[in-house]
Protein backbone atom coordinates (compact mmCIF):
# COMPACT_ATOMS: atom_id res chain seq x y z
CA MET A 1 0.02 -0.04 0.02
CA LEU A 2 3.09 2.61 0.83
CA GLY A 3 4.44 1.84 -2.15
CA ILE A 4 1.38 2.42 -4.34
CA ILE A 5 0.66 5.54 -2.45
CA ILE A 6 5.05 6.36 -3.20
CA PHE A 7 4.58 5.33 -6.62
CA SER A 8 1.60 7.83 -6.98
CA VAL A 9 3.40 10.54 -5.61
CA LEU A 10 6.29 9.70 -7.43
CA THR A 11 4.49 9.41 -10.58
CA GLY A 12 1.99 12.85 -10.08
CA LEU A 13 6.13 14.59 -9.25
CA PHE A 14 7.11 13.55 -12.84
CA LEU A 15 3.89 14.60 -14.66
CA ILE A 16 4.25 18.02 -13.48
CA SER A 17 7.75 18.28 -14.27
CA LEU A 18 7.31 17.11 -17.67
CA ASN A 19 4.22 19.39 -18.14
CA ARG A 20 6.47 22.60 -16.89
CA LEU A 21 9.20 21.31 -19.03
CA LEU A 22 7.24 21.26 -21.92
CA ARG A 23 5.70 24.17 -21.22
CA ILE A 24 9.25 25.96 -21.30
CA LEU A 25 10.26 23.89 -24.45
CA TRP A 26 6.78 25.27 -26.05
CA LEU A 27 7.66 28.86 -25.02
CA GLU A 28 10.74 28.68 -26.21
CA ASN A 29 9.66 27.57 -29.71
CA GLN A 30 6.45 30.04 -29.69
CA HIS A 31 9.07 32.42 -29.32
CA LYS A 32 10.94 31.00 -32.31
CA PHE A 33 8.30 30.87 -34.20
CA ASP A 34 7.25 34.62 -33.72
CA TRP A 35 10.37 35.39 -34.03
CA LEU A 36 10.97 33.81 -37.42
CA GLU A 37 7.70 34.79 -38.50
CA TYR A 38 8.75 38.80 -37.84
CA GLU A 39 12.03 37.92 -40.02
CA LEU A 40 9.71 35.88 -42.23
CA LYS A 41 7.58 39.35 -43.00
CA LYS A 42 11.01 41.27 -42.77
CA LYS A 43 12.15 39.37 -45.68
CA GLY A 44 8.54 39.31 -46.98
CA GLU A 45 8.69 43.29 -46.72
CA LYS A 46 11.89 43.62 -48.53
CA LEU A 47 11.36 41.45 -51.46
CA ASP A 48 8.42 43.18 -52.23
CA SER A 49 10.84 46.56 -51.85
CA ILE A 50 13.24 44.74 -54.16
CA SER A 51 10.68 43.43 -56.69
CA ARG A 52 9.19 46.90 -56.87
CA GLU A 53 12.76 48.41 -57.77
CA ASN A 54 12.75 45.79 -60.04
CA THR A 55 10.18 46.93 -61.73
CA CYS A 56 10.98 50.37 -61.45
CA LEU A 57 14.45 49.88 -62.74
CA ARG A 58 12.77 47.57 -65.65
CA GLN A 59 10.56 50.35 -66.35
CA ASP A 60 12.82 52.87 -66.49
CA SER A 61 15.24 50.50 -68.47
CA GLU A 62 12.95 49.95 -71.36
CA ALA A 63 11.88 53.42 -71.26
CA VAL A 64 15.93 54.33 -72.12
CA VAL A 65 16.14 51.63 -74.62
CA ALA A 66 13.20 52.85 -76.30
CA LEU A 67 14.25 56.24 -76.24
CA TYR A 68 17.46 55.21 -77.72
CA ASP A 69 14.87 53.51 -80.15
CA ILE A 70 14.50 56.66 -81.94
CA THR A 71 18.09 56.58 -83.47
CA LYS A 72 16.66 53.64 -86.04
CA ASP A 73 13.88 55.89 -86.88
CA ILE A 74 15.92 59.02 -87.43
CA CYS A 75 18.38 57.02 -89.19
CA LYS A 76 16.13 55.87 -91.71
CA THR A 77 15.99 59.26 -93.66
CA LEU A 78 18.53 62.35 -94.42
CA GLY A 79 15.95 64.77 -94.67
CA VAL A 80 16.35 67.32 -90.94
CA GLY A 81 12.74 67.88 -91.53
CA ASP A 82 11.75 64.61 -91.33
CA MET A 83 14.46 63.64 -88.43
CA LEU A 84 12.05 67.14 -86.38
CA LYS A 85 8.95 64.88 -87.14
CA ILE A 86 10.28 61.56 -85.76
CA PHE A 87 11.72 63.55 -82.67
CA LYS A 88 7.89 65.18 -82.46
CA ASP A 89 6.39 61.69 -81.91
CA TYR A 90 8.76 60.05 -79.20
CA ALA A 91 8.94 63.43 -77.68
CA VAL A 92 5.09 63.11 -76.98
CA LYS A 93 4.96 60.33 -76.45
CA PHE A 94 7.69 60.28 -73.48
CA ILE A 95 7.44 63.68 -72.21
CA GLY A 96 4.47 64.54 -73.61
CA PRO A 97 2.55 67.58 -76.16
CA GLY A 98 4.56 70.63 -76.33
CA ASP A 99 5.98 73.25 -78.62
CA TYR A 100 9.31 71.60 -80.09
CA ARG A 101 10.87 72.85 -82.71
CA LEU A 102 14.75 73.80 -84.42
CA VAL A 103 15.77 77.75 -84.66
CA LYS A 104 18.90 77.87 -86.31
CA SER A 105 20.33 81.61 -84.53
CA ASP A 106 21.17 82.91 -80.98
CA GLU A 107 18.65 86.00 -82.53
CA GLU A 108 15.74 83.47 -83.06
CA LEU A 109 16.28 81.85 -79.88
CA LYS A 110 15.58 85.23 -78.21
CA ARG A 111 11.88 85.06 -79.35
CA PHE A 112 11.46 81.64 -77.24
CA PRO A 113 12.27 82.58 -73.61
CA GLY A 114 11.31 80.29 -70.47
CA TYR A 115 11.90 77.43 -73.31
CA THR A 116 14.37 74.13 -72.85
CA VAL A 117 17.33 74.66 -74.96
CA PHE A 118 19.29 71.91 -76.47
CA PRO A 119 22.29 73.33 -78.37
CA LEU A 120 23.20 71.01 -81.97
CA THR A 121 26.98 71.38 -82.28
CA ILE A 122 28.16 69.91 -84.76
CA ASN A 123 32.69 69.99 -85.45
CA LYS A 124 32.56 72.48 -82.22
CA ASN A 125 30.61 75.12 -84.02
CA THR A 126 26.34 75.32 -82.83
CA SER A 127 25.10 75.47 -85.92
CA GLY A 128 21.37 75.54 -84.25
CA TYR A 129 19.47 74.81 -80.87
CA LEU A 130 16.49 72.81 -80.32
CA ILE A 131 14.04 73.97 -77.92
CA ALA A 132 10.66 72.82 -76.43
CA ASP A 133 8.10 74.12 -73.64
CA ASN A 134 6.42 72.73 -70.58
CA VAL A 135 9.59 70.44 -70.26
CA LYS A 136 9.44 68.69 -66.41
CA GLU A 137 12.20 68.79 -64.41
CA LYS A 138 11.43 65.13 -64.70
CA ASP A 139 11.58 65.18 -68.16
CA LEU A 140 15.02 66.66 -68.92
CA ASP A 141 17.03 63.31 -69.02
CA LYS A 142 14.59 62.35 -71.22
CA PHE A 143 14.99 65.16 -73.78
CA GLN A 144 18.04 65.53 -73.39
CA ILE A 145 18.42 61.77 -74.64
CA LEU A 146 16.39 62.84 -77.50
CA GLY A 147 17.64 65.63 -78.58
CA GLN A 148 21.04 63.60 -78.49
CA GLN A 149 19.63 61.07 -81.16
CA LEU A 150 18.34 63.91 -83.01
CA LEU A 151 22.08 65.51 -83.14
CA ILE A 152 23.41 62.41 -84.46
CA GLY A 153 20.47 61.89 -87.29
CA ILE A 154 21.97 65.71 -87.58
CA LYS A 155 25.35 64.99 -88.07
CA ARG A 156 24.91 61.99 -89.68
CA SER A 157 22.68 64.02 -92.78
CA TYR A 158 25.67 66.61 -92.48
CA LEU A 159 28.45 64.43 -93.20
CA TYR A 160 26.44 62.60 -96.45
CA GLU A 161 25.85 65.90 -97.70
CA LYS A 162 29.75 66.69 -96.99
CA VAL A 163 31.36 63.17 -98.88
CA GLN A 164 28.52 63.52 -101.36
CA GLU A 165 30.21 67.59 -102.11
CA MET A 166 33.65 66.09 -101.80
CA ALA A 167 32.89 63.31 -104.84
CA ILE A 168 31.21 66.07 -106.62
CA THR A 169 33.32 69.00 -106.28
CA ASP A 170 36.96 69.53 -107.15
CA ASN A 171 38.81 70.37 -104.14
CA LEU A 172 40.63 73.20 -105.60
CA THR A 173 38.23 75.62 -107.83
CA GLN A 174 35.21 74.46 -106.30
CA ALA A 175 33.91 73.42 -109.23
CA TYR A 176 32.41 70.33 -110.18
CA THR A 177 34.87 67.35 -110.68
CA ARG A 178 34.74 66.30 -114.97
CA ARG A 179 32.89 62.95 -113.83
CA TYR A 180 29.69 64.69 -112.23
CA PHE A 181 29.93 67.63 -114.81
CA LEU A 182 29.61 65.03 -117.61
CA GLU A 183 26.73 63.46 -115.54
CA ARG A 184 25.08 66.95 -115.64
CA LEU A 185 26.08 67.65 -119.33
CA ASP A 186 24.10 64.40 -120.47
CA GLU A 187 21.10 65.08 -118.18
CA GLU A 188 21.18 68.35 -119.95
CA VAL A 189 21.13 67.20 -123.12
CA GLU A 190 17.63 64.98 -121.67
CA ARG A 191 16.41 67.45 -120.38
CA SER A 192 16.58 69.95 -123.61
CA VAL A 193 15.38 67.13 -125.66
CA LYS A 194 12.16 66.78 -123.65
CA PHE A 195 11.38 70.38 -123.58
CA LYS A 196 12.89 71.74 -127.15
CA HIS A 197 15.25 74.19 -125.27
CA ALA A 198 18.89 75.05 -126.69
CA PHE A 199 21.67 75.46 -124.20
CA SER A 200 25.06 76.09 -125.00
CA PHE A 201 28.58 74.65 -123.74
CA LEU A 202 32.05 76.39 -123.18
CA MET A 203 35.35 75.24 -123.05
CA LEU A 204 38.23 77.38 -121.77
CA ASP A 205 41.46 76.99 -121.08
CA ILE A 206 44.44 79.81 -119.74
CA ASP A 207 47.03 81.31 -121.61
CA HIS A 208 50.38 79.91 -120.76
CA PHE A 209 49.43 78.33 -117.63
CA LYS A 210 52.29 76.06 -117.71
CA GLU A 211 54.40 79.40 -117.69
CA TYR A 212 52.70 80.72 -114.17
CA ASN A 213 53.76 77.30 -112.74
CA ASP A 214 57.27 77.08 -114.14
CA ARG A 215 57.83 80.84 -113.18
CA TYR A 216 56.27 80.91 -109.43
CA GLY A 217 55.80 77.99 -108.66
CA HIS A 218 52.49 75.59 -108.53
CA LEU A 219 51.48 77.20 -105.30
CA VAL A 220 50.61 80.15 -107.72
CA GLY A 221 49.31 78.05 -110.01
CA ASP A 222 47.04 76.84 -108.16
CA ALA A 223 45.86 80.00 -106.88
CA VAL A 224 45.38 81.09 -110.71
CA LEU A 225 42.98 78.56 -111.12
CA ARG A 226 41.34 79.25 -107.86
CA GLU A 227 41.12 83.10 -108.75
CA THR A 228 39.94 82.04 -112.57
CA ALA A 229 36.79 79.94 -111.34
CA LYS A 230 35.90 82.39 -108.50
CA ILE A 231 35.59 84.54 -111.76
CA LEU A 232 34.12 82.63 -113.70
CA LYS A 233 31.33 81.87 -110.87
CA GLU A 234 30.45 86.13 -110.57
CA ASN A 235 29.57 85.77 -114.43
CA ILE A 236 27.06 83.23 -115.14
CA ARG A 237 23.62 82.25 -113.51
CA GLN A 238 22.97 80.09 -110.65
CA VAL A 239 21.34 77.65 -112.99
CA ASP A 240 24.77 76.99 -114.98
CA PHE A 241 27.47 74.76 -114.43
CA ILE A 242 30.84 75.09 -113.97
CA GLY A 243 33.08 71.82 -114.40
CA ARG A 244 37.12 71.31 -114.17
CA TYR A 245 37.28 69.46 -116.99
CA GLY A 246 41.37 69.20 -116.59
CA GLY A 247 44.26 70.51 -115.75
CA GLU A 248 43.50 74.70 -116.28
CA GLU A 249 40.66 73.87 -118.71
CA LEU A 250 37.21 74.63 -117.32
CA SER A 251 33.92 73.94 -118.69
CA ILE A 252 30.42 75.59 -118.48
CA ILE A 253 26.78 74.68 -118.98
CA LEU A 254 24.74 77.91 -120.01
CA THR A 255 21.17 76.31 -119.78
CA GLU A 256 18.45 77.26 -121.51
CA THR A 257 21.03 79.67 -124.03
CA GLY A 258 21.59 79.95 -127.09
CA LYS A 259 24.70 80.15 -129.69
CA SER A 260 24.60 84.25 -130.19
CA ALA A 261 23.37 84.62 -125.98
CA ALA A 262 26.91 82.10 -125.15
CA LYS A 263 28.61 84.48 -127.57
CA LEU A 264 28.31 87.09 -125.35
CA VAL A 265 28.51 85.30 -121.99
CA ALA A 266 31.68 84.14 -123.18
CA GLU A 267 33.51 87.55 -124.36
CA ARG A 268 32.09 88.81 -121.12
CA ILE A 269 33.83 86.18 -118.79
CA ARG A 270 36.76 86.88 -121.30
CA VAL A 271 36.76 90.85 -120.32
CA SER A 272 36.25 90.54 -116.92
CA LEU A 273 39.17 88.02 -116.39
CA THR A 274 41.77 89.49 -118.66
CA SER A 275 40.94 93.21 -117.03
CA LYS A 276 41.06 92.11 -113.44
CA PRO A 277 44.29 91.66 -112.03
CA ILE A 278 44.83 88.42 -109.64
CA ASN A 279 46.77 89.55 -106.11
CA ILE A 280 48.68 86.20 -104.72
CA TYR A 281 51.08 86.32 -102.11
CA ASP A 282 53.69 89.13 -103.24
CA GLU A 283 52.89 88.78 -107.34
CA SER A 284 50.01 90.65 -109.29
CA LEU A 285 49.34 88.82 -112.13
CA ARG A 286 47.01 89.36 -115.61
CA ILE A 287 45.76 86.55 -117.32
CA THR A 288 44.06 85.84 -120.33
CA VAL A 289 41.58 83.18 -121.08
CA SER A 290 40.98 81.29 -125.10
CA ILE A 291 37.28 80.38 -125.42
CA GLY A 292 35.39 77.56 -127.40
CA VAL A 293 31.62 77.85 -127.88
CA SER A 294 29.18 75.25 -129.46
CA ALA A 295 25.41 74.70 -128.77
CA PHE A 296 22.83 72.12 -128.68
CA PRO A 297 21.38 71.36 -130.86
CA GLU A 298 22.34 73.43 -133.55
CA ASP A 299 25.91 71.53 -133.59
CA ALA A 300 25.46 68.39 -131.97
CA GLY A 301 22.77 66.20 -130.30
CA LEU A 302 25.41 64.11 -128.05
CA ALA A 303 27.27 65.60 -125.01
CA LYS A 304 30.35 63.98 -126.76
CA ASP A 305 30.03 65.31 -129.79
CA LEU A 306 29.10 68.64 -128.17
CA ILE A 307 32.47 69.08 -126.60
CA GLU A 308 34.50 67.81 -129.16
CA LYS A 309 33.02 70.34 -131.16
CA ALA A 310 33.71 73.22 -127.96
CA ASP A 311 37.06 72.35 -128.26
CA LYS A 312 38.06 72.42 -132.04
CA ALA A 313 36.34 76.15 -131.13
CA LEU A 314 38.96 76.46 -128.31
CA TYR A 315 41.90 75.18 -130.85
CA ALA A 316 41.52 77.84 -133.29
CA ALA A 317 40.66 80.20 -130.43
CA LYS A 318 44.88 79.32 -129.58
CA GLU A 319 45.81 78.90 -133.25
CA ARG A 320 44.10 82.56 -134.01
CA GLY A 321 46.76 83.82 -131.17
CA ARG A 322 44.67 82.91 -127.78
CA ASN A 323 42.72 85.84 -125.77
CA ARG A 324 40.14 85.13 -127.42
CA VAL A 325 36.16 83.71 -127.91
CA CYS A 326 35.87 81.15 -131.19
CA VAL A 327 32.49 79.57 -132.08
CA PHE A 328 32.46 76.06 -133.86
CA GLY A 329 30.49 77.31 -137.11
CA GLU A 330 32.00 80.33 -137.25
CA LEU A 331 35.69 79.38 -137.72
CA ASP A 332 35.95 80.04 -141.13
């Protein structure tokens, strides 16, 4: 009986101790669980924050990439007007409606106070300004990015024009190169056939040009050629064409000009060149020229024949003492 009582007491004490131990363990685990739950909540909030940041970053990246896509569209054209239209479409999309325009000078820029200004600098020179109203501070970077892409397009167009100009313009005289001039001559023949117009062709040669080179050097000879071409341009119309045919020979297409009028123009050119001294370095030189004239369709119906007839007239001018105009058909 005593043993049962002792066993019961010990069992009760054990259960009490076990209950306390389990409670302690439960409290400890509950505390750990609460801590883990708190940490999990914090990490979840951090993950949400990172996710939001990633979303914003992705959106910003996509916007920047989309902004730079303007370059592909702008580079599809070489016309500045078309480029500006593409720029405006992107600006309205990413910045908002506004007045976007190009101005060419500082004086014109003064008419737009308060506008956001982006200088268009090419080869260290400001060639104009891109301006816009209603650009908010948060959109300034976008405006700058868009402006840079427009500037890339304008530079590309500028370089293309320069390359084209170099390909068709003689460096020394700024007259058309022989190849391009002959292309224009062929085009003028076709145009004149189509519209039944006459035109004239002049072949000009500087008399005794080799002597200038031999006596004064090639630098002076080059300067003589350059000044001769300049005087020629002053004596013809904008619709006429000057080409450097070769060496000291220059050619002129007088559009919609008959033979008699062409003879007067050639004589005016000759007199202008002979009467005006050319001042080069320390030298003051006077030059004379010989000019041969042929006319379409009176003398020839093809470009090569027109050149041949003018060349024969030029040869006759030299044979007859130089410093004169000879017209094909009047050589006898």
